Amino acid sequence: MKIQILTPEDTIFDGEVSSVIIPGLHGEFQMLENHAAIVSALTSGKIKIESIISSSVNKNLTKEGKFDTYLIKGGILEFNNNKGIILCD
């Protein structure tokens, strides 16, 4: 599935991954390929990307074990048809 992480200043990540864990308002949740369509507000926490298949942009990600992570203050996620866009601070 394709994931993009965008901030007002830059594109942090743009690539194909096998899974992503997101800090939702009511706790973390994981999205895998063919996840149902969703729009969700995000709270402060870490976006955790597992198994990067390919990426054209990969900035400011930190490695934590098997995850590449990015710390956010909040944001919003839209996921539909195996494509997720995360707008965050």
N, C-alpha and C. Protein backbone atom coordinates (compact mmCIF):
# COMPACT_ATOMS: atom_id res chain seq x y z
N MET A 1 0.85 -1.18 0.00
CA MET A 1 0.00 0.00 0.00
C MET A 1 0.89 1.23 0.00
N LYS A 2 0.37 2.32 -0.53
CA LYS A 2 1.15 3.55 -0.65
C LYS A 2 0.81 4.48 0.52
N ILE A 3 1.84 5.00 1.16
CA ILE A 3 1.67 5.94 2.26
C ILE A 3 2.46 7.21 1.97
N GLN A 4 1.82 8.35 2.22
CA GLN A 4 2.49 9.64 2.14
C GLN A 4 2.34 10.32 3.49
N ILE A 5 3.45 10.86 4.02
CA ILE A 5 3.42 11.67 5.24
C ILE A 5 3.85 13.07 4.85
N LEU A 6 2.92 14.02 5.02
CA LEU A 6 3.15 15.40 4.58
C LEU A 6 3.04 16.36 5.76
N THR A 7 3.94 17.35 5.81
CA THR A 7 3.85 18.44 6.76
C THR A 7 3.68 19.72 5.94
N PRO A 8 3.36 20.84 6.58
CA PRO A 8 3.26 22.09 5.81
C PRO A 8 4.57 22.47 5.10
N GLU A 9 5.68 22.01 5.64
CA GLU A 9 6.98 22.38 5.09
C GLU A 9 7.55 21.38 4.08
N ASP A 10 7.20 20.10 4.19
CA ASP A 10 7.94 19.09 3.44
C ASP A 10 7.15 17.79 3.31
N THR A 11 7.59 16.97 2.37
CA THR A 11 7.12 15.59 2.27
C THR A 11 8.13 14.74 3.05
N ILE A 12 7.66 14.09 4.11
CA ILE A 12 8.54 13.29 4.97
C ILE A 12 8.74 11.89 4.40
N PHE A 13 7.65 11.30 3.91
CA PHE A 13 7.72 9.94 3.39
C PHE A 13 6.74 9.80 2.24
N ASP A 14 7.16 9.08 1.22
CA ASP A 14 6.29 8.76 0.09
C ASP A 14 6.76 7.42 -0.46
N GLY A 15 6.00 6.36 -0.15
CA GLY A 15 6.45 5.06 -0.61
C GLY A 15 5.47 3.94 -0.34
N GLU A 16 5.88 2.74 -0.73
CA GLU A 16 5.09 1.52 -0.53
C GLU A 16 5.55 0.83 0.75
N VAL A 17 4.59 0.44 1.59
CA VAL A 17 4.89 -0.23 2.86
C VAL A 17 3.96 -1.42 3.04
N SER A 18 4.33 -2.31 3.97
CA SER A 18 3.44 -3.43 4.26
C SER A 18 2.47 -3.11 5.40
N SER A 19 2.86 -2.21 6.32
CA SER A 19 1.95 -1.80 7.39
C SER A 19 2.39 -0.48 7.98
N VAL A 20 1.44 0.19 8.64
CA VAL A 20 1.73 1.45 9.32
C VAL A 20 0.89 1.48 10.59
N ILE A 21 1.48 1.99 11.68
CA ILE A 21 0.79 2.15 12.95
C ILE A 21 0.66 3.64 13.21
N ILE A 22 -0.56 4.07 13.52
CA ILE A 22 -0.91 5.48 13.60
C ILE A 22 -1.41 5.82 15.01
N PRO A 23 -1.03 7.00 15.58
CA PRO A 23 -1.55 7.40 16.89
C PRO A 23 -2.91 8.10 16.77
N GLY A 24 -3.98 7.33 16.82
CA GLY A 24 -5.33 7.88 16.75
C GLY A 24 -5.75 8.52 18.06
N LEU A 25 -6.85 9.26 18.04
CA LEU A 25 -7.33 9.93 19.25
C LEU A 25 -7.70 8.97 20.36
N HIS A 26 -8.11 7.75 20.00
CA HIS A 26 -8.51 6.76 21.00
C HIS A 26 -7.51 5.61 21.10
N GLY A 27 -6.27 5.88 20.73
CA GLY A 27 -5.22 4.86 20.82
C GLY A 27 -4.63 4.54 19.46
N GLU A 28 -3.52 3.83 19.49
CA GLU A 28 -2.85 3.45 18.25
C GLU A 28 -3.69 2.43 17.48
N PHE A 29 -3.60 2.50 16.15
CA PHE A 29 -4.20 1.47 15.33
C PHE A 29 -3.29 1.18 14.15
N GLN A 30 -3.39 -0.04 13.65
CA GLN A 30 -2.54 -0.49 12.55
C GLN A 30 -3.37 -0.61 11.29
N MET A 31 -2.75 -0.27 10.18
CA MET A 31 -3.40 -0.44 8.88
C MET A 31 -2.53 -1.35 8.03
N LEU A 32 -3.17 -2.32 7.42
CA LEU A 32 -2.52 -3.24 6.49
C LEU A 32 -3.15 -3.05 5.11
N GLU A 33 -2.60 -3.71 4.13
CA GLU A 33 -3.16 -3.63 2.78
C GLU A 33 -4.64 -4.03 2.80
N ASN A 34 -5.43 -3.37 1.99
CA ASN A 34 -6.87 -3.58 1.86
C ASN A 34 -7.67 -3.18 3.11
N HIS A 35 -7.11 -2.28 3.93
CA HIS A 35 -7.84 -1.75 5.08
C HIS A 35 -9.06 -0.99 4.58
N ALA A 36 -10.12 -1.00 5.36
CA ALA A 36 -11.32 -0.25 4.99
C ALA A 36 -11.01 1.24 4.89
N ALA A 37 -11.77 1.93 4.07
CA ALA A 37 -11.59 3.38 3.94
C ALA A 37 -11.82 4.04 5.29
N ILE A 38 -10.98 5.04 5.61
CA ILE A 38 -11.06 5.69 6.92
C ILE A 38 -10.54 7.11 6.81
N VAL A 39 -11.14 7.99 7.60
CA VAL A 39 -10.62 9.33 7.85
C VAL A 39 -10.56 9.43 9.36
N SER A 40 -9.39 9.83 9.89
CA SER A 40 -9.21 9.85 11.33
C SER A 40 -8.35 11.03 11.76
N ALA A 41 -8.74 11.65 12.88
CA ALA A 41 -7.89 12.67 13.50
C ALA A 41 -6.78 11.94 14.25
N LEU A 42 -5.61 12.56 14.29
CA LEU A 42 -4.46 11.96 14.96
C LEU A 42 -4.03 12.83 16.13
N THR A 43 -3.46 12.18 17.13
CA THR A 43 -2.95 12.88 18.30
C THR A 43 -1.43 12.81 18.29
N SER A 44 -0.81 13.42 19.27
CA SER A 44 0.66 13.38 19.32
C SER A 44 1.12 11.95 19.56
N GLY A 45 2.22 11.59 18.95
CA GLY A 45 2.76 10.24 19.07
C GLY A 45 3.67 9.93 17.90
N LYS A 46 3.87 8.65 17.67
CA LYS A 46 4.77 8.20 16.61
C LYS A 46 4.01 7.48 15.52
N ILE A 47 4.31 7.85 14.29
CA ILE A 47 3.87 7.05 13.15
C ILE A 47 4.95 5.99 12.97
N LYS A 48 4.55 4.73 12.94
CA LYS A 48 5.50 3.62 12.82
C LYS A 48 5.27 2.91 11.50
N ILE A 49 6.30 2.89 10.67
CA ILE A 49 6.22 2.26 9.36
C ILE A 49 7.01 0.96 9.40
N GLU A 50 6.37 -0.13 8.99
CA GLU A 50 7.03 -1.43 8.97
C GLU A 50 7.21 -1.89 7.53
N SER A 51 8.35 -2.42 7.24
CA SER A 51 8.65 -3.04 5.95
C SER A 51 8.44 -2.09 4.78
N ILE A 52 9.35 -1.14 4.65
CA ILE A 52 9.31 -0.24 3.50
C ILE A 52 9.70 -1.06 2.27
N ILE A 53 8.79 -1.11 1.30
CA ILE A 53 9.03 -1.85 0.07
C ILE A 53 9.80 -0.98 -0.91
N SER A 54 9.37 0.27 -1.07
CA SER A 54 10.09 1.24 -1.90
C SER A 54 9.65 2.63 -1.49
N SER A 55 10.54 3.60 -1.66
CA SER A 55 10.17 4.98 -1.34
C SER A 55 10.96 5.95 -2.20
N SER A 56 10.29 7.04 -2.55
CA SER A 56 10.97 8.09 -3.30
C SER A 56 11.44 9.20 -2.37
N VAL A 57 10.77 9.36 -1.22
CA VAL A 57 11.16 10.35 -0.22
C VAL A 57 11.15 9.67 1.13
N ASN A 58 12.22 9.84 1.90
CA ASN A 58 12.33 9.22 3.21
C ASN A 58 13.21 10.13 4.07
N LYS A 59 12.59 11.20 4.64
CA LYS A 59 13.33 12.19 5.41
C LYS A 59 12.90 12.17 6.87
N ASN A 60 13.82 12.41 7.75
CA ASN A 60 13.55 12.60 9.18
C ASN A 60 12.91 11.39 9.85
N LEU A 61 13.01 10.20 9.27
CA LEU A 61 12.52 8.99 9.93
C LEU A 61 13.63 8.47 10.82
N THR A 62 13.25 7.93 11.97
CA THR A 62 14.19 7.36 12.93
C THR A 62 13.96 5.86 12.98
N LYS A 63 15.00 5.09 13.09
CA LYS A 63 14.89 3.62 13.17
C LYS A 63 14.70 3.22 14.62
N GLU A 64 13.65 2.45 14.92
CA GLU A 64 13.40 1.89 16.25
C GLU A 64 13.06 0.43 16.08
N GLY A 65 14.06 -0.43 16.24
CA GLY A 65 13.85 -1.86 16.02
C GLY A 65 13.47 -2.11 14.58
N LYS A 66 12.34 -2.77 14.37
CA LYS A 66 11.90 -3.08 13.00
C LYS A 66 11.09 -1.96 12.36
N PHE A 67 10.87 -0.85 13.10
CA PHE A 67 10.05 0.25 12.59
C PHE A 67 10.89 1.46 12.22
N ASP A 68 10.46 2.15 11.17
CA ASP A 68 10.92 3.50 10.89
C ASP A 68 9.85 4.40 11.48
N THR A 69 10.24 5.38 12.30
CA THR A 69 9.25 6.18 13.02
C THR A 69 9.40 7.66 12.72
N TYR A 70 8.29 8.38 12.92
CA TYR A 70 8.27 9.82 12.77
C TYR A 70 7.37 10.38 13.87
N LEU A 71 7.88 11.29 14.68
CA LEU A 71 7.15 11.88 15.78
C LEU A 71 6.26 13.02 15.27
N ILE A 72 4.96 12.98 15.66
CA ILE A 72 4.03 14.03 15.24
C ILE A 72 3.37 14.67 16.45
N LYS A 73 2.86 15.88 16.26
CA LYS A 73 2.12 16.59 17.30
C LYS A 73 0.61 16.41 17.13
N GLY A 74 0.20 15.98 15.95
CA GLY A 74 -1.22 15.80 15.63
C GLY A 74 -1.39 15.84 14.13
N GLY A 75 -2.60 15.57 13.68
CA GLY A 75 -2.83 15.63 12.25
C GLY A 75 -4.10 14.91 11.85
N ILE A 76 -4.15 14.51 10.60
CA ILE A 76 -5.32 13.82 10.06
C ILE A 76 -4.85 12.79 9.03
N LEU A 77 -5.58 11.69 8.95
CA LEU A 77 -5.28 10.61 8.03
C LEU A 77 -6.49 10.36 7.13
N GLU A 78 -6.23 10.15 5.86
CA GLU A 78 -7.25 9.66 4.93
C GLU A 78 -6.67 8.43 4.26
N PHE A 79 -7.42 7.32 4.28
CA PHE A 79 -6.98 6.08 3.65
C PHE A 79 -8.12 5.52 2.82
N ASN A 80 -7.82 5.22 1.54
CA ASN A 80 -8.83 4.67 0.64
C ASN A 80 -8.11 4.00 -0.53
N ASN A 81 -8.60 2.84 -0.94
CA ASN A 81 -8.04 2.12 -2.08
C ASN A 81 -6.53 1.90 -1.98
N ASN A 82 -6.08 1.44 -0.81
CA ASN A 82 -4.67 1.14 -0.55
C ASN A 82 -3.74 2.33 -0.71
N LYS A 83 -4.28 3.54 -0.48
CA LYS A 83 -3.45 4.74 -0.47
C LYS A 83 -3.80 5.57 0.75
N GLY A 84 -2.78 5.89 1.55
CA GLY A 84 -2.99 6.70 2.74
C GLY A 84 -2.22 7.99 2.67
N ILE A 85 -2.89 9.08 3.04
CA ILE A 85 -2.24 10.38 3.12
C ILE A 85 -2.36 10.85 4.56
N ILE A 86 -1.22 11.15 5.17
CA ILE A 86 -1.17 11.62 6.54
C ILE A 86 -0.68 13.07 6.51
N LEU A 87 -1.54 14.00 6.93
CA LEU A 87 -1.18 15.40 7.05
C LEU A 87 -0.91 15.67 8.52
N CYS A 88 0.29 16.15 8.86
CA CYS A 88 0.64 16.27 10.27
C CYS A 88 1.58 17.44 10.53
N ASP A 89 1.73 17.74 11.82
CA ASP A 89 2.70 18.73 12.31
C ASP A 89 3.89 18.02 12.88
